[in-house]
C-alpha atoms as a PDB file:
ATOM      1  CA  MET A   1      69.375  61.557 145.749  1.00  0.00           C
ATOM      2  CA  THR A   2      66.249  61.918 143.672  1.00  0.00           C
ATOM      3  CA  SER A   3      66.160  63.704 140.307  1.00  0.00           C
ATOM      4  CA  ARG A   4      64.158  66.535 141.924  1.00  0.00           C
ATOM      5  CA  GLN A   5      66.836  67.082 144.571  1.00  0.00           C
ATOM      6  CA  PHE A   6      69.551  66.983 141.900  1.00  0.00           C
ATOM      7  CA  LEU A   7      67.800  69.698 139.876  1.00  0.00           C
ATOM      8  CA  ILE A   8      67.429  71.831 143.017  1.00  0.00           C
ATOM      9  CA  VAL A   9      71.175  71.523 143.710  1.00  0.00           C
ATOM     10  CA  VAL A  10      72.027  72.410 140.088  1.00  0.00           C
ATOM     11  CA  ALA A  11      69.693  75.426 140.209  1.00  0.00           C
ATOM     12  CA  ALA A  12      71.236  76.573 143.509  1.00  0.00           C
ATOM     13  CA  VAL A  13      74.773  76.283 142.121  1.00  0.00           C
ATOM     14  CA  GLN A  14      73.802  78.215 138.995  1.00  0.00           C
ATOM     15  CA  GLY A  15      72.163  80.892 141.136  1.00  0.00           C
ATOM     16  CA  VAL A  16      75.322  81.239 143.253  1.00  0.00           C
ATOM     17  CA  LEU A  17      77.478  81.463 140.121  1.00  0.00           C
ATOM     18  CA  LEU A  18      75.164  84.084 138.631  1.00  0.00           C
ATOM     19  CA  ILE A  19      75.312  86.174 141.793  1.00  0.00           C
ATOM     20  CA  ALA A  20      79.098  85.809 141.860  1.00  0.00           C
ATOM     21  CA  LEU A  21      79.315  86.963 138.222  1.00  0.00           C
ATOM     22  CA  ILE A  22      77.170  90.027 138.951  1.00  0.00           C
ATOM     23  CA  ILE A  23      79.319  90.875 141.973  1.00  0.00           C
ATOM     24  CA  LEU A  24      82.466  90.461 139.866  1.00  0.00           C
ATOM     25  CA  ILE A  25      81.119  92.793 137.187  1.00  0.00           C
ATOM     26  CA  ILE A  26      80.181  95.395 139.802  1.00  0.00           C
ATOM     27  CA  LEU A  27      83.592  95.124 141.488  1.00  0.00           C
ATOM     28  CA  ASN A  28      85.398  95.393 138.158  1.00  0.00           C
ATOM     29  CA  ARG A  29      83.394  98.488 137.279  1.00  0.00           C
ATOM     30  CA  TRP A  30      84.097 100.009 140.697  1.00  0.00           C
ATOM     31  CA  VAL A  31      87.832  99.328 140.419  1.00  0.00           C
ATOM     32  CA  ARG A  32      87.962 100.859 136.921  1.00  0.00           C
ATOM     33  CA  LEU A  33      86.089 103.978 138.025  1.00  0.00           C
ATOM     34  CA  ARG A  34      88.295 104.333 141.086  1.00  0.00           C
ATOM     35  CA  ARG A  35      91.428 103.937 138.992  1.00  0.00           C
ATOM     36  CA  ARG A  36      90.145 106.431 136.430  1.00  0.00           C
ATOM     37  CA  ALA A  37      89.331 108.957 139.167  1.00  0.00           C
ATOM     38  CA  LYS A  38      92.831 108.523 140.554  1.00  0.00           C
ATOM     39  CA  VAL A  39      94.553 108.944 137.187  1.00  0.00           C
ATOM     40  CA  HIS A  40      92.389 111.734 135.729  1.00  0.00           C
ATOM     41  CA  PRO A  41      94.017 114.601 137.708  1.00  0.00           C
ATOM     42  CA  ARG A  42      97.432 113.390 136.500  1.00  0.00           C
ATOM     43  CA  ARG A  43      96.264 113.436 132.881  1.00  0.00           C
ATOM     44  CA  VAL A  44      94.891 116.947 133.314  1.00  0.00           C
ATOM     45  CA  ALA A  45      98.174 118.026 134.917  1.00  0.00           C
ATOM     46  CA  LEU A  46     100.172 116.494 132.039  1.00  0.00           C
ATOM     47  CA  ASP A  47      98.031 118.270 129.442  1.00  0.00           C
ATOM     48  CA  ALA A  48      98.664 121.551 131.260  1.00  0.00           C
ATOM     49  CA  VAL A  49     102.415 120.913 131.331  1.00  0.00           C
ATOM     50  CA  MET A  50     102.451 119.951 127.641  1.00  0.00           C
ATOM     51  CA  GLN A  51     100.550 123.111 126.813  1.00  0.00           C
ATOM     52  CA  ARG A  52     103.104 125.233 128.691  1.00  0.00           C
ATOM     53  CA  TRP A  53     105.962 123.289 127.093  1.00  0.00           C
ATOM     54  CA  THR A  54     104.687 124.010 123.590  1.00  0.00           C
ATOM     55  CA  LEU A  55     104.661 127.722 124.547  1.00  0.00           C
ATOM     56  CA  ASN A  56     108.229 127.528 125.928  1.00  0.00           C
ATOM     57  CA  GLN A  57     106.906 128.133 129.442  1.00  0.00           C
ATOM     58  CA  ALA A  58     108.056 124.751 130.774  1.00  0.00           C
ATOM     59  CA  GLY A  59     111.006 122.455 130.179  1.00  0.00           C
ATOM     60  CA  ALA A  60     111.250 118.929 128.844  1.00  0.00           C
ATOM     61  CA  ALA A  61     112.043 117.720 132.388  1.00  0.00           C
ATOM     62  CA  ASP A  62     108.590 118.854 133.536  1.00  0.00           C
ATOM     63  CA  VAL A  63     106.983 116.878 130.715  1.00  0.00           C
ATOM     64  CA  LEU A  64     109.005 113.766 131.592  1.00  0.00           C
ATOM     65  CA  ARG A  65     107.892 113.962 135.225  1.00  0.00           C
ATOM     66  CA  GLY A  66     104.273 114.264 134.146  1.00  0.00           C
ATOM     67  CA  LEU A  67     104.605 111.252 131.837  1.00  0.00           C
ATOM     68  CA  ALA A  68     106.289 109.145 134.537  1.00  0.00           C
ATOM     69  CA  ARG A  69     103.321 109.662 136.890  1.00  0.00           C
ATOM     70  CA  LEU A  70     100.902 108.058 134.414  1.00  0.00           C
ATOM     71  CA  PRO A  71     100.437 104.355 133.629  1.00  0.00           C
ATOM     72  CA  VAL A  72     102.474 103.450 130.554  1.00  0.00           C
ATOM     73  CA  PRO A  73      99.502 102.994 128.161  1.00  0.00           C
ATOM     74  CA  LEU A  74      98.118 106.417 129.111  1.00  0.00           C
ATOM     75  CA  ALA A  75     101.547 108.011 128.769  1.00  0.00           C
ATOM     76  CA  ILE A  76     101.817 106.597 125.249  1.00  0.00           C
ATOM     77  CA  ASP A  77      98.318 107.839 124.415  1.00  0.00           C
ATOM     78  CA  ALA A  78      99.304 111.317 125.554  1.00  0.00           C
ATOM     79  CA  LEU A  79     102.474 111.252 123.440  1.00  0.00           C
ATOM     80  CA  VAL A  80     100.544 110.140 120.361  1.00  0.00           C
ATOM     81  CA  THR A  81      97.949 112.878 120.901  1.00  0.00           C
ATOM     82  CA  TRP A  82     100.450 115.681 121.414  1.00  0.00           C
ATOM     83  CA  SER A  83     102.889 114.611 118.697  1.00  0.00           C
ATOM     84  CA  ALA A  84     100.584 116.061 116.032  1.00  0.00           C
ATOM     85  CA  ARG A  85     100.525 119.475 117.767  1.00  0.00           C
ATOM     86  CA  VAL A  86     104.231 120.093 118.328  1.00  0.00           C
ATOM     87  CA  ALA A  87     106.807 121.196 115.766  1.00  0.00           C
ATOM     88  CA  GLY A  88     109.287 118.590 114.553  1.00  0.00           C
ATOM     89  CA  GLU A  89     112.530 119.945 116.038  1.00  0.00           C
ATOM     90  CA  ARG A  90     111.014 120.518 119.458  1.00  0.00           C
ATOM     91  CA  TRP A  91     109.460 117.050 119.460  1.00  0.00           C
ATOM     92  CA  GLN A  92     112.822 115.493 118.551  1.00  0.00           C
ATOM     93  CA  GLU A  93     114.257 117.118 121.650  1.00  0.00           C
ATOM     94  CA  LEU A  94     111.631 115.360 123.761  1.00  0.00           C
ATOM     95  CA  SER A  95     112.214 112.055 121.925  1.00  0.00           C
ATOM     96  CA  HIS A  96     115.915 112.123 122.794  1.00  0.00           C
ATOM     97  CA  ALA A  97     115.098 112.959 126.414  1.00  0.00           C
ATOM     98  CA  LEU A  98     112.726 109.964 126.584  1.00  0.00           C
ATOM     99  CA  GLU A  99     115.571 107.576 125.724  1.00  0.00           C
ATOM    100  CA  HIS A 100     116.828 107.827 129.315  1.00  0.00           C
ATOM    101  CA  GLN A 101     113.484 107.161 131.033  1.00  0.00           C
ATOM    102  CA  TRP A 102     113.187 103.738 132.672  1.00  0.00           C
ATOM    103  CA  TRP A 103     109.608 103.164 131.531  1.00  0.00           C
ATOM    104  CA  ALA A 104     110.518 104.107 127.970  1.00  0.00           C
ATOM    105  CA  ARG A 105     113.328 101.530 128.016  1.00  0.00           C
ATOM    106  CA  VAL A 106     110.812  98.891 129.131  1.00  0.00           C
ATOM    107  CA  VAL A 107     108.459  99.837 126.289  1.00  0.00           C
ATOM    108  CA  ARG A 108     111.303  99.640 123.796  1.00  0.00           C
ATOM    109  CA  ALA A 109     112.257  96.192 125.079  1.00  0.00           C
ATOM    110  CA  ASN A 110     108.680  95.042 124.476  1.00  0.00           C
ATOM    111  CA  SER A 111     109.404  95.073 120.740  1.00  0.00           C
ATOM    112  CA  ARG A 112     110.578  91.478 121.317  1.00  0.00           C
ATOM    113  CA  SER A 113     107.603  90.478 123.453  1.00  0.00           C
ATOM    114  CA  ALA A 114     105.757  87.250 122.666  1.00  0.00           C
ATOM    115  CA  ARG A 115     102.454  89.099 123.267  1.00  0.00           C
ATOM    116  CA  TRP A 116     101.283  91.060 120.256  1.00  0.00           C
ATOM    117  CA  TRP A 117      99.609  93.809 122.328  1.00  0.00           C
ATOM    118  CA  LYS A 118     102.924  94.527 124.029  1.00  0.00           C
ATOM    119  CA  ARG A 119     104.614  94.755 120.631  1.00  0.00           C
ATOM    120  CA  LEU A 120     101.798  97.063 119.512  1.00  0.00           C
ATOM    121  CA  GLU A 121     102.401  99.257 122.548  1.00  0.00           C
ATOM    122  CA  SER A 122     106.093  99.403 121.652  1.00  0.00           C
ATOM    123  CA  ALA A 123     105.306 100.223 118.012  1.00  0.00           C
ATOM    124  CA  ARG A 124     102.907 103.030 119.007  1.00  0.00           C
ATOM    125  CA  PHE A 125     105.528 104.522 121.297  1.00  0.00           C
ATOM    126  CA  LEU A 126     108.248 104.332 118.643  1.00  0.00           C
ATOM    127  CA  SER A 127     105.915 105.863 116.057  1.00  0.00           C
ATOM    128  CA  VAL A 128     106.187 109.181 117.927  1.00  0.00           C
ATOM    129  CA  ALA A 129     109.382 108.842 119.971  1.00  0.00           C
ATOM    130  CA  ALA A 130     111.812 106.814 117.850  1.00  0.00           C
ATOM    131  CA  THR A 131     115.359 108.034 117.302  1.00  0.00           C
ATOM    132  CA  SER A 132     118.153 106.811 115.046  1.00  0.00           C
ATOM    133  CA  HIS A 133     119.064 104.259 117.746  1.00  0.00           C
ATOM    134  CA  ASP A 134     115.682 102.536 117.298  1.00  0.00           C
ATOM    135  CA  ILE A 135     116.071 101.544 113.640  1.00  0.00           C
ATOM    136  CA  GLY A 136     116.706  97.896 114.531  1.00  0.00           C
ATOM    137  CA  ARG A 137     113.594  97.730 116.709  1.00  0.00           C
ATOM    138  CA  VAL A 138     111.410  99.407 114.080  1.00  0.00           C
ATOM    139  CA  LEU A 139     112.799  97.036 111.459  1.00  0.00           C
ATOM    140  CA  ARG A 140     111.693  94.076 113.568  1.00  0.00           C
ATOM    141  CA  LEU A 141     108.231  95.563 114.122  1.00  0.00           C
ATOM    142  CA  LEU A 142     107.769  96.298 110.414  1.00  0.00           C
ATOM    143  CA  ARG A 143     108.219  92.577 109.791  1.00  0.00           C
ATOM    144  CA  ASP A 144     105.824  91.599 112.566  1.00  0.00           C
ATOM    145  CA  ARG A 145     103.122  89.049 111.758  1.00  0.00           C
ATOM    146  CA  HIS A 146     100.303  91.105 113.295  1.00  0.00           C
ATOM    147  CA  PRO A 147      98.682  93.771 111.029  1.00  0.00           C
ATOM    148  CA  ALA A 148      98.071  96.248 113.875  1.00  0.00           C
ATOM    149  CA  VAL A 149     101.768  96.165 114.792  1.00  0.00           C
ATOM    150  CA  GLN A 150     102.740  96.617 111.136  1.00  0.00           C
ATOM    151  CA  ILE A 151     100.530  99.689 110.774  1.00  0.00           C
ATOM    152  CA  ALA A 152     101.821 101.300 113.978  1.00  0.00           C
ATOM    153  CA  ALA A 153     105.438 100.583 113.007  1.00  0.00           C
ATOM    154  CA  ALA A 154     104.924 102.053 109.529  1.00  0.00           C
ATOM    155  CA  THR A 155     103.954 105.387 111.090  1.00  0.00           C
ATOM    156  CA  THR A 156     107.529 105.633 112.401  1.00  0.00           C
ATOM    157  CA  LEU A 157     108.713 106.300 108.831  1.00  0.00           C
ATOM    158  CA  GLU A 158     107.163 109.761 109.072  1.00  0.00           C
ATOM    159  CA  ARG A 159     109.636 110.744 111.798  1.00  0.00           C
ATOM    160  CA  VAL A 160     112.747 108.645 111.257  1.00  0.00           C
ATOM    161  CA  VAL A 161     114.396 109.194 107.877  1.00  0.00           C
ATOM    162  CA  SER A 162     116.084 105.900 107.067  1.00  0.00           C
ATOM    163  CA  PRO A 163     116.579 104.250 103.652  1.00  0.00           C
ATOM    164  CA  VAL A 164     116.913 100.939 105.518  1.00  0.00           C
ATOM    165  CA  LEU A 165     113.398 101.236 106.960  1.00  0.00           C
ATOM    166  CA  VAL A 166     111.918 102.384 103.659  1.00  0.00           C
ATOM    167  CA  THR A 167     113.509  99.432 101.853  1.00  0.00           C
ATOM    168  CA  ALA A 168     112.226  97.021 104.502  1.00  0.00           C
ATOM    169  CA  ALA A 169     108.703  98.465 104.263  1.00  0.00           C
ATOM    170  CA  LEU A 170     108.668  98.131 100.480  1.00  0.00           C
ATOM    171  CA  ASP A 171     110.040  94.597 100.608  1.00  0.00           C
ATOM    172  CA  GLN A 172     107.307  93.674 103.072  1.00  0.00           C
ATOM    173  CA  LEU A 173     104.597  95.337 100.996  1.00  0.00           C
ATOM    174  CA  PRO A 174     103.573  92.424  98.704  1.00  0.00           C
ATOM    175  CA  PHE A 175     102.864  90.230 101.728  1.00  0.00           C
ATOM    176  CA  LEU A 176     100.517  92.701 103.452  1.00  0.00           C
ATOM    177  CA  GLY A 177      96.738  92.735 103.407  1.00  0.00           C
ATOM    178  CA  PRO A 178      94.930  95.386 101.325  1.00  0.00           C
ATOM    179  CA  THR A 179      94.097  97.602 104.332  1.00  0.00           C
ATOM    180  CA  VAL A 180      97.654  97.605 105.667  1.00  0.00           C
ATOM    181  CA  GLN A 181      99.000  98.125 102.153  1.00  0.00           C
ATOM    182  CA  ALA A 182      96.781 101.179 101.641  1.00  0.00           C
ATOM    183  CA  TYR A 183      97.987 102.642 104.942  1.00  0.00           C
ATOM    184  CA  TYR A 184     101.608 102.002 103.951  1.00  0.00           C
ATOM    185  CA  ALA A 185     100.980 103.984 100.767  1.00  0.00           C
ATOM    186  CA  SER A 186      99.762 107.014 102.721  1.00  0.00           C
ATOM    187  CA  VAL A 187     102.742 106.845 105.082  1.00  0.00           C
ATOM    188  CA  LEU A 188     105.407 106.239 102.453  1.00  0.00           C
ATOM    189  CA  LYS A 189     104.250 109.245 100.443  1.00  0.00           C
ATOM    190  CA  ARG A 190     106.112 111.353 102.993  1.00  0.00           C
ATOM    191  CA  ALA A 191     109.371 109.507 102.321  1.00  0.00           C
ATOM    192  CA  ARG A 192     109.170 109.958  98.556  1.00  0.00           C
ATOM    193  CA  PRO A 193     112.873 110.259  97.535  1.00  0.00           C
ATOM    194  CA  ALA A 194     113.928 106.994  99.168  1.00  0.00           C
ATOM    195  CA  VAL A 195     110.698 105.252  98.125  1.00  0.00           C
ATOM    196  CA  LEU A 196     111.004 106.253  94.483  1.00  0.00           C
ATOM    197  CA  ARG A 197     114.641 105.171  94.263  1.00  0.00           C
ATOM    198  CA  HIS A 198     113.843 101.737  95.634  1.00  0.00           C
ATOM    199  CA  LEU A 199     110.717 101.332  93.496  1.00  0.00           C
ATOM    200  CA  GLN A 200     112.685 102.042  90.344  1.00  0.00           C
ATOM    201  CA  GLN A 201     115.098  99.301  91.347  1.00  0.00           C
ATOM    202  CA  LEU A 202     112.230  96.883  91.978  1.00  0.00           C
ATOM    203  CA  PHE A 203     110.701  97.654  88.580  1.00  0.00           C
ATOM    204  CA  ARG A 204     113.852  96.321  86.935  1.00  0.00           C
ATOM    205  CA  ARG A 205     113.299  92.869  88.456  1.00  0.00           C
ATOM    206  CA  LEU A 206     111.036  91.687  85.654  1.00  0.00           C
ATOM    207  CA  ASN A 207     110.794  88.104  86.918  1.00  0.00           C
ATOM    208  CA  ASP A 208     110.032  89.028  90.531  1.00  0.00           C
ATOM    209  CA  PRO A 209     106.707  87.384  91.536  1.00  0.00           C
ATOM    210  CA  ARG A 210     106.019  90.405  93.787  1.00  0.00           C
ATOM    211  CA  LEU A 211     105.996  92.796  90.830  1.00  0.00           C
ATOM    212  CA  PRO A 212     102.173  93.045  90.438  1.00  0.00           C
ATOM    213  CA  ARG A 213     101.715  94.049  94.087  1.00  0.00           C
ATOM    214  CA  ILE A 214     104.581  96.532  93.843  1.00  0.00           C
ATOM    215  CA  ILE A 215     102.995  98.143  90.771  1.00  0.00           C
ATOM    216  CA  GLU A 216      99.633  98.293  92.544  1.00  0.00           C
ATOM    217  CA  PHE A 217     101.247 100.135  95.452  1.00  0.00           C
ATOM    218  CA  ALA A 218     103.281 102.444  93.208  1.00  0.00           C
ATOM    219  CA  GLY A 219     100.119 103.488  91.381  1.00  0.00           C
ATOM    220  CA  ARG A 220      98.667 104.772  94.645  1.00  0.00           C
ATOM    221  CA  LEU A 221     101.591 107.182  95.023  1.00  0.00           C
ATOM    222  CA  GLN A 222     100.604 109.003  91.786  1.00  0.00           C
ATOM    223  CA  GLU A 223     104.185 110.150  91.360  1.00  0.00           C
ATOM    224  CA  PRO A 224     104.832 111.473  87.799  1.00  0.00           C
ATOM    225  CA  VAL A 225     108.356 110.064  87.713  1.00  0.00           C
ATOM    226  CA  LEU A 226     106.898 106.543  87.814  1.00  0.00           C
ATOM    227  CA  ARG A 227     104.909 106.978  84.600  1.00  0.00           C
ATOM    228  CA  GLU A 228     107.739 105.904  82.311  1.00  0.00           C
ATOM    229  CA  PRO A 229     108.386 102.585  84.140  1.00  0.00           C
ATOM    230  CA  PHE A 230     104.649 101.865  83.977  1.00  0.00           C
ATOM    231  CA  THR A 231     104.480 102.369  80.213  1.00  0.00           C
ATOM    232  CA  THR A 232     107.571 100.193  79.782  1.00  0.00           C
ATOM    233  CA  LEU A 233     105.886  97.344  81.668  1.00  0.00           C
ATOM    234  CA  ALA A 234     102.771  97.512  79.465  1.00  0.00           C
ATOM    235  CA  THR A 235     104.240  94.709  77.323  1.00  0.00           C
ATOM    236  CA  HIS A 236     105.238  92.475  80.249  1.00  0.00           C
ATOM    237  CA  ALA A 237     104.617  88.765  79.762  1.00  0.00           C
ATOM    238  CA  ASP A 238     102.699  88.368  83.036  1.00  0.00           C
ATOM    239  CA  PRO A 239      98.976  89.229  82.616  1.00  0.00           C
ATOM    240  CA  GLU A 240      98.726  90.298  86.272  1.00  0.00           C
ATOM    241  CA  VAL A 241     101.522  92.836  85.720  1.00  0.00           C
ATOM    242  CA  ARG A 242      99.755  94.211  82.646  1.00  0.00           C
ATOM    243  CA  THR A 243      96.491  94.407  84.597  1.00  0.00           C
ATOM    244  CA  GLN A 244      98.084  96.500  87.337  1.00  0.00           C
ATOM    245  CA  VAL A 245      99.822  98.705  84.751  1.00  0.00           C
ATOM    246  CA  ALA A 246      96.514  99.280  82.945  1.00  0.00           C
ATOM    247  CA  ARG A 247      94.877 100.221  86.247  1.00  0.00           C
ATOM    248  CA  ALA A 248      97.680 102.578  87.307  1.00  0.00           C
ATOM    249  CA  LEU A 249      98.097 104.475  84.021  1.00  0.00           C
ATOM    250  CA  GLY A 250      94.733 106.168  84.471  1.00  0.00           C
ATOM    251  CA  ARG A 251      96.350 108.305  87.166  1.00  0.00           C
ATOM    252  CA  PHE A 252      99.046 109.562  84.751  1.00  0.00           C
ATOM    253  CA  PRO A 253      97.510 111.702  81.964  1.00  0.00           C
ATOM    254  CA  HIS A 254     100.150 111.770  79.235  1.00  0.00           C
ATOM    255  CA  ALA A 255     100.474 110.939  75.547  1.00  0.00           C
ATOM    256  CA  GLU A 256     102.631 107.896  76.338  1.00  0.00           C
ATOM    257  CA  SER A 257     100.056 106.679  78.869  1.00  0.00           C
ATOM    258  CA  VAL A 258      97.347 106.968  76.234  1.00  0.00           C
ATOM    259  CA  ALA A 259      99.488 105.066  73.726  1.00  0.00           C
ATOM    260  CA  ALA A 260     100.139 102.256  76.215  1.00  0.00           C
ATOM    261  CA  LEU A 261      96.453 102.030  77.117  1.00  0.00           C
ATOM    262  CA  GLY A 262      95.544 101.914  73.425  1.00  0.00           C
ATOM    263  CA  PHE A 263      97.666  98.781  73.235  1.00  0.00           C
ATOM    264  CA  LEU A 264      96.328  97.260  76.466  1.00  0.00           C
ATOM    265  CA  VAL A 265      92.674  97.845  75.604  1.00  0.00           C
ATOM    266  CA  GLN A 266      93.089  95.246  72.857  1.00  0.00           C
ATOM    267  CA  ASP A 267      94.770  92.654  75.084  1.00  0.00           C
ATOM    268  CA  GLU A 268      93.608  89.041  74.870  1.00  0.00           C
ATOM    269  CA  ALA A 269      92.902  88.943  78.647  1.00  0.00           C
ATOM    270  CA  TRP A 270      89.574  90.596  79.538  1.00  0.00           C
ATOM    271  CA  PRO A 271      90.674  91.918  83.004  1.00  0.00           C
ATOM    272  CA  ILE A 272      93.395  93.903  81.226  1.00  0.00           C
ATOM    273  CA  ARG A 273      90.934  95.255  78.672  1.00  0.00           C
ATOM    274  CA  ALA A 274      88.547  96.229  81.471  1.00  0.00           C
ATOM    275  CA  GLN A 275      91.208  98.112  83.440  1.00  0.00           C
ATOM    276  CA  ALA A 276      92.579  99.788  80.320  1.00  0.00           C
ATOM    277  CA  THR A 277      89.076 100.962  79.371  1.00  0.00           C
ATOM    278  CA  ARG A 278      88.560 102.321  82.884  1.00  0.00           C
ATOM    279  CA  SER A 279      91.862 104.234  82.694  1.00  0.00           C
ATOM    280  CA  LEU A 280      91.015 105.652  79.266  1.00  0.00           C
ATOM    281  CA  GLY A 281      87.862 107.047  80.836  1.00  0.00           C
ATOM    282  CA  MET A 282      89.868 108.600  83.668  1.00  0.00           C
ATOM    283  CA  ILE A 283      92.147 110.386  81.186  1.00  0.00           C
ATOM    284  CA  ALA A 284      89.241 111.138  78.781  1.00  0.00           C
ATOM    285  CA  ASP A 285      91.406 112.004  75.779  1.00  0.00           C
ATOM    286  CA  PRO A 286      88.975 112.743  72.900  1.00  0.00           C
ATOM    287  CA  ALA A 287      91.245 110.826  70.510  1.00  0.00           C
ATOM    288  CA  THR A 288      90.568 107.597  72.441  1.00  0.00           C
ATOM    289  CA  LEU A 289      86.787 107.828  72.181  1.00  0.00           C
ATOM    290  CA  PRO A 290      86.647 105.298  69.294  1.00  0.00           C
ATOM    291  CA  LEU A 291      88.577 102.769  71.404  1.00  0.00           C
ATOM    292  CA  VAL A 292      86.128 103.090  74.276  1.00  0.00           C
ATOM    293  CA  ARG A 293      83.188 102.902  71.857  1.00  0.00           C
ATOM    294  CA  ASP A 294      84.570  99.639  70.463  1.00  0.00           C
ATOM    295  CA  ALA A 295      84.959  98.298  74.027  1.00  0.00           C
ATOM    296  CA  LEU A 296      81.217  98.802  74.471  1.00  0.00           C
ATOM    297  CA  ARG A 297      80.796  95.868  72.058  1.00  0.00           C
ATOM    298  CA  ASP A 298      83.300  93.611  73.815  1.00  0.00           C
ATOM    299  CA  VAL A 299      82.352  89.968  74.324  1.00  0.00           C
ATOM    300  CA  GLU A 300      82.972  90.275  78.084  1.00  0.00           C
ATOM    301  CA  TRP A 301      80.288  91.933  80.234  1.00  0.00           C
ATOM    302  CA  TRP A 302      82.768  93.570  82.622  1.00  0.00           C
ATOM    303  CA  VAL A 303      84.618  95.251  79.758  1.00  0.00           C
ATOM    304  CA  ARG A 304      81.328  96.568  78.370  1.00  0.00           C
ATOM    305  CA  LEU A 305      80.412  97.914  81.827  1.00  0.00           C
ATOM    306  CA  ARG A 306      83.755  99.683  82.147  1.00  0.00           C
ATOM    307  CA  ALA A 307      83.321 101.104  78.663  1.00  0.00           C
ATOM    308  CA  GLY A 308      79.832 102.411  79.445  1.00  0.00           C
ATOM    309  CA  LEU A 309      81.016 104.074  82.641  1.00  0.00           C
ATOM    310  CA  ALA A 310      84.130 105.442  80.923  1.00  0.00           C
ATOM    311  CA  LEU A 311      82.015 107.072  78.201  1.00  0.00           C
ATOM    312  CA  THR A 312      80.232 109.162  80.852  1.00  0.00           C
ATOM    313  CA  ARG A 313      83.577 110.846  81.567  1.00  0.00           C
ATOM    314  CA  PHE A 314      83.882 112.112  77.968  1.00  0.00           C
ATOM    315  CA  GLY A 315      81.095 114.635  78.470  1.00  0.00           C
ATOM    316  CA  GLY A 316      78.626 115.260  75.683  1.00  0.00           C
ATOM    317  CA  ALA A 317      80.567 113.236  73.111  1.00  0.00           C
ATOM    318  CA  GLY A 318      80.535 110.161  75.317  1.00  0.00           C
ATOM    319  CA  ARG A 319      76.832 110.548  76.078  1.00  0.00           C
ATOM    320  CA  ASN A 320      76.093 110.749  72.356  1.00  0.00           C
ATOM    321  CA  VAL A 321      77.905 107.449  71.843  1.00  0.00           C
ATOM    322  CA  LEU A 322      75.751 105.870  74.548  1.00  0.00           C
ATOM    323  CA  LEU A 323      72.573 107.274  72.974  1.00  0.00           C
ATOM    324  CA  GLU A 324      73.583 105.867  69.597  1.00  0.00           C
ATOM    325  CA  ALA A 325      74.360 102.483  71.157  1.00  0.00           C
ATOM    326  CA  GLU A 326      70.962 102.500  72.898  1.00  0.00           C
ATOM    327  CA  VAL A 327      69.211 102.214  69.528  1.00  0.00           C
ATOM    328  CA  SER A 328      71.866 100.194  67.703  1.00  0.00           C
ATOM    329  CA  ALA A 329      71.509  96.652  66.397  1.00  0.00           C
ATOM    330  CA  HIS A 330      74.194  95.294  68.740  1.00  0.00           C
ATOM    331  CA  ALA A 331      72.180  93.714  71.566  1.00  0.00           C
ATOM    332  CA  GLU A 332      74.936  93.664  74.227  1.00  0.00           C
ATOM    333  CA  ALA A 333      75.989  97.264  73.570  1.00  0.00           C
ATOM    334  CA  ARG A 334      72.330  98.347  73.543  1.00  0.00           C
ATOM    335  CA  ASP A 335      71.637  96.721  76.925  1.00  0.00           C
ATOM    336  CA  MET A 336      74.757  98.211  78.507  1.00  0.00           C
ATOM    337  CA  ALA A 337      73.981 101.707  77.172  1.00  0.00           C
ATOM    338  CA  ARG A 338      70.474 101.500  78.641  1.00  0.00           C
ATOM    339  CA  LEU A 339      71.892 100.358  81.965  1.00  0.00           C
ATOM    340  CA  VAL A 340      74.433 103.193  82.196  1.00  0.00           C
ATOM    341  CA  LEU A 341      72.045 105.882  80.949  1.00  0.00           C
ATOM    342  CA  GLY A 342      69.561 104.786  83.592  1.00  0.00           C
ATOM    343  CA  LEU A 343      71.955 105.308  86.485  1.00  0.00           C
ATOM    344  CA  SER A 344      71.598 108.325  88.747  1.00  0.00           C
ATOM    345  CA  PRO A 345      74.439 110.893  88.945  1.00  0.00           C
ATOM    346  CA  GLN A 346      75.308 109.609  92.427  1.00  0.00           C
ATOM    347  CA  ALA A 347      75.541 106.028  91.178  1.00  0.00           C
ATOM    348  CA  LEU A 348      77.680 107.081  88.221  1.00  0.00           C
ATOM    349  CA  ALA A 349      80.038 108.988  90.499  1.00  0.00           C
ATOM    350  CA  GLU A 350      80.451 105.878  92.658  1.00  0.00           C
ATOM    351  CA  TYR A 351      80.725 103.230  89.947  1.00  0.00           C
ATOM    352  CA  ALA A 352      82.925 105.222  87.568  1.00  0.00           C
ATOM    353  CA  ALA A 353      85.486 106.035  90.287  1.00  0.00           C
END
């Protein structure tokens, strides 16, 4: 076989494969459209039944029949959609009725699946249909290694009141990524009593390496009862703990918060000074203006930036300090004042947040 013939054969094979790929794409699209056309009337019928059920014009048995006619993923999607529209007690009635459905038992069993998307499906279902019998499954999903499963499982805490689940979520918290951690904070706000009790216990473990992450999370809750533990930890030996305390105290305007920040703004570690200066700006107590003005002359650029932005929160008095610094003999403070005074209101609102 000559090289020309070989190239012709290769080109022919590639052409056949390309045609086969196009046919496969067309067939896949046709199958999906056909399946969607077949399922769509069932989804419309389920929405109608759910609407009547919310108005007490249909029973839970009618809803269960409508759900059973749909593919499992679509049934779960419908449950997630409607869970936000139905009152809690009435939805609990449906959740208990779902325990006896064969497809729901299969979804629950998928909490042990080796495939993460099956575990995600189980977590999404339990987030709207979990009962007290599902605590063990939710506990397993909260400790899952996949972030999507963790987020879906955390949503269950809004519906199932369980100190065990809250404790597990908080224990897992330091090992989560920032996005998942932020979502946990929004979910756990709705389980405040159990969360606060466990957090106060965790704050007492002064040598726990997870303490900085726990403080970071607790600051997001903005719960006044946590202010006192924060101020107590302002003298902790770990610089990372003090950094997180300095960052969190800005959300707790109080005389003791101001006193703790006045101590932290003079810390030997510049990240702590920077966060303390930022928090002083958030509280904007006129008595702390000299501290922030001194931070504008700090040896570290980041601290000076935080001080300049913090001064903008003190209103006219803070602006006057910046104007004075703009013509002062201190070169670093002068440059930072010019930088901050040159920012637009939109930029200030973003950077000073």
